[in-house]
Amino acid sequence: MKNKVLKVLFLGLIFLFVSVLFGCSSDVSNSEKPGAQLWGENCGRCHNIRPPSNLTDAQWDVAIMHMRTRANLTETEAEKIATFLKAAN
């Protein structure tokens, strides 16, 4: 009886682990996300988020070019973020 209970608990923990592992993945790929969401998810990890209107379009171009490499953004992600940020100017 004790072995059966341990086996059920063990299988339950494995099921829970697999559910959490695969259930936490996003259904939306980064290529489908809008610039605002990419900006919030990527830039907000390291920076205090400032209003997009704080920098000019040219300043955002420089910042995004620099951060694209550091944040490991794809070209598409960087372009979407830039479009979002520049829309505020």
C-alpha atoms as a PDB file:
ATOM      1  CA  MET A   1       0.000   0.000   0.000  1.00  0.00           C
ATOM      2  CA  LYS A   2       2.787   2.412   0.956  1.00  0.00           C
ATOM      3  CA  ASN A   3       4.663   1.743  -2.318  1.00  0.00           C
ATOM      4  CA  LYS A   4       1.508   2.376  -4.334  1.00  0.00           C
ATOM      5  CA  VAL A   5       0.972   5.752  -2.632  1.00  0.00           C
ATOM      6  CA  LEU A   6       4.608   6.733  -3.235  1.00  0.00           C
ATOM      7  CA  LYS A   7       4.328   5.702  -6.873  1.00  0.00           C
ATOM      8  CA  VAL A   8       1.178   7.796  -7.352  1.00  0.00           C
ATOM      9  CA  LEU A   9       2.816  10.784  -5.656  1.00  0.00           C
ATOM     10  CA  PHE A  10       5.932  10.392  -7.775  1.00  0.00           C
ATOM     11  CA  LEU A  11       3.918  10.200 -11.008  1.00  0.00           C
ATOM     12  CA  GLY A  12       1.864  13.191  -9.896  1.00  0.00           C
ATOM     13  CA  LEU A  13       5.028  15.241  -9.318  1.00  0.00           C
ATOM     14  CA  ILE A  14       6.371  14.278 -12.738  1.00  0.00           C
ATOM     15  CA  PHE A  15       3.071  15.275 -14.347  1.00  0.00           C
ATOM     16  CA  LEU A  16       3.094  18.594 -12.481  1.00  0.00           C
ATOM     17  CA  PHE A  17       6.691  19.293 -13.518  1.00  0.00           C
ATOM     18  CA  VAL A  18       5.995  18.555 -17.187  1.00  0.00           C
ATOM     19  CA  SER A  19       2.797  20.622 -17.103  1.00  0.00           C
ATOM     20  CA  VAL A  20       4.602  23.620 -15.662  1.00  0.00           C
ATOM     21  CA  LEU A  21       7.536  23.226 -18.016  1.00  0.00           C
ATOM     22  CA  PHE A  22       5.465  23.113 -21.184  1.00  0.00           C
ATOM     23  CA  GLY A  23       2.509  25.142 -19.966  1.00  0.00           C
ATOM     24  CA  CYS A  24       4.610  28.245 -19.352  1.00  0.00           C
ATOM     25  CA  SER A  25       5.666  28.634 -22.965  1.00  0.00           C
ATOM     26  CA  SER A  26       3.983  31.487 -24.781  1.00  0.00           C
ATOM     27  CA  ASP A  27       1.494  30.704 -27.524  1.00  0.00           C
ATOM     28  CA  VAL A  28       2.575  33.836 -29.384  1.00  0.00           C
ATOM     29  CA  SER A  29       6.021  33.913 -30.951  1.00  0.00           C
ATOM     30  CA  ASN A  30       8.093  37.095 -30.735  1.00  0.00           C
ATOM     31  CA  SER A  31       7.653  37.660 -34.468  1.00  0.00           C
ATOM     32  CA  GLU A  32       3.894  37.985 -33.927  1.00  0.00           C
ATOM     33  CA  LYS A  33       4.057  40.308 -30.911  1.00  0.00           C
ATOM     34  CA  PRO A  34       3.506  44.055 -31.343  1.00  0.00           C
ATOM     35  CA  GLY A  35       6.346  46.502 -30.705  1.00  0.00           C
ATOM     36  CA  ALA A  36       4.855  47.742 -27.441  1.00  0.00           C
ATOM     37  CA  GLN A  37       4.809  44.238 -25.981  1.00  0.00           C
ATOM     38  CA  LEU A  38       8.346  43.486 -27.194  1.00  0.00           C
ATOM     39  CA  TRP A  39       9.510  46.800 -25.702  1.00  0.00           C
ATOM     40  CA  GLY A  40       7.939  46.009 -22.339  1.00  0.00           C
ATOM     41  CA  GLU A  41       9.242  42.445 -22.226  1.00  0.00           C
ATOM     42  CA  ASN A  42      12.783  43.141 -23.419  1.00  0.00           C
ATOM     43  CA  CYS A  43      13.701  46.656 -22.367  1.00  0.00           C
ATOM     44  CA  GLY A  44      11.960  46.477 -19.007  1.00  0.00           C
ATOM     45  CA  ARG A  45      14.162  43.604 -17.854  1.00  0.00           C
ATOM     46  CA  CYS A  46      17.130  45.930 -17.353  1.00  0.00           C
ATOM     47  CA  HIS A  47      15.844  49.495 -17.597  1.00  0.00           C
ATOM     48  CA  ASN A  48      13.335  51.649 -15.834  1.00  0.00           C
ATOM     49  CA  ILE A  49      10.819  52.158 -18.588  1.00  0.00           C
ATOM     50  CA  ARG A  50      10.671  55.780 -19.653  1.00  0.00           C
ATOM     51  CA  PRO A  51       8.054  57.411 -21.859  1.00  0.00           C
ATOM     52  CA  PRO A  52       8.934  56.881 -25.537  1.00  0.00           C
ATOM     53  CA  SER A  53       8.677  60.629 -26.134  1.00  0.00           C
ATOM     54  CA  ASN A  54      11.776  61.227 -23.948  1.00  0.00           C
ATOM     55  CA  LEU A  55      14.060  60.569 -26.929  1.00  0.00           C
ATOM     56  CA  THR A  56      13.955  61.753 -30.526  1.00  0.00           C
ATOM     57  CA  ASP A  57      13.650  59.355 -33.438  1.00  0.00           C
ATOM     58  CA  ALA A  58      17.392  59.653 -34.108  1.00  0.00           C
ATOM     59  CA  GLN A  59      18.211  58.949 -30.451  1.00  0.00           C
ATOM     60  CA  TRP A  60      15.952  55.878 -30.474  1.00  0.00           C
ATOM     61  CA  ASP A  61      17.711  54.631 -33.635  1.00  0.00           C
ATOM     62  CA  VAL A  62      21.067  54.782 -31.852  1.00  0.00           C
ATOM     63  CA  ALA A  63      19.722  53.211 -28.654  1.00  0.00           C
ATOM     64  CA  ILE A  64      17.985  50.378 -30.498  1.00  0.00           C
ATOM     65  CA  MET A  65      21.012  49.660 -32.686  1.00  0.00           C
ATOM     66  CA  HIS A  66      23.145  49.376 -29.539  1.00  0.00           C
ATOM     67  CA  MET A  67      20.619  47.350 -27.569  1.00  0.00           C
ATOM     68  CA  ARG A  68      19.737  45.005 -30.434  1.00  0.00           C
ATOM     69  CA  THR A  69      23.063  43.265 -29.923  1.00  0.00           C
ATOM     70  CA  ARG A  70      23.051  43.394 -26.142  1.00  0.00           C
ATOM     71  CA  ALA A  71      19.445  42.199 -25.786  1.00  0.00           C
ATOM     72  CA  ASN A  72      19.803  39.620 -28.572  1.00  0.00           C
ATOM     73  CA  LEU A  73      16.887  41.050 -30.553  1.00  0.00           C
ATOM     74  CA  THR A  74      16.156  39.977 -34.088  1.00  0.00           C
ATOM     75  CA  GLU A  75      16.011  42.593 -36.817  1.00  0.00           C
ATOM     76  CA  THR A  76      12.215  42.276 -36.934  1.00  0.00           C
ATOM     77  CA  GLU A  77      11.885  42.702 -33.166  1.00  0.00           C
ATOM     78  CA  ALA A  78      14.148  45.767 -33.198  1.00  0.00           C
ATOM     79  CA  GLU A  79      12.165  47.321 -36.072  1.00  0.00           C
ATOM     80  CA  LYS A  80       8.857  46.742 -34.277  1.00  0.00           C
ATOM     81  CA  ILE A  81      10.193  48.295 -31.080  1.00  0.00           C
ATOM     82  CA  ALA A  82      11.582  51.269 -33.023  1.00  0.00           C
ATOM     83  CA  THR A  83       8.258  51.826 -34.801  1.00  0.00           C
ATOM     84  CA  PHE A  84       6.431  51.765 -31.472  1.00  0.00           C
ATOM     85  CA  LEU A  85       8.848  54.162 -29.796  1.00  0.00           C
ATOM     86  CA  LYS A  86       8.903  56.606 -32.712  1.00  0.00           C
ATOM     87  CA  ALA A  87       5.103  56.675 -32.883  1.00  0.00           C
ATOM     88  CA  ALA A  88       5.143  58.676 -29.639  1.00  0.00           C
ATOM     89  CA  ASN A  89       7.108  61.549 -31.245  1.00  0.00           C
END
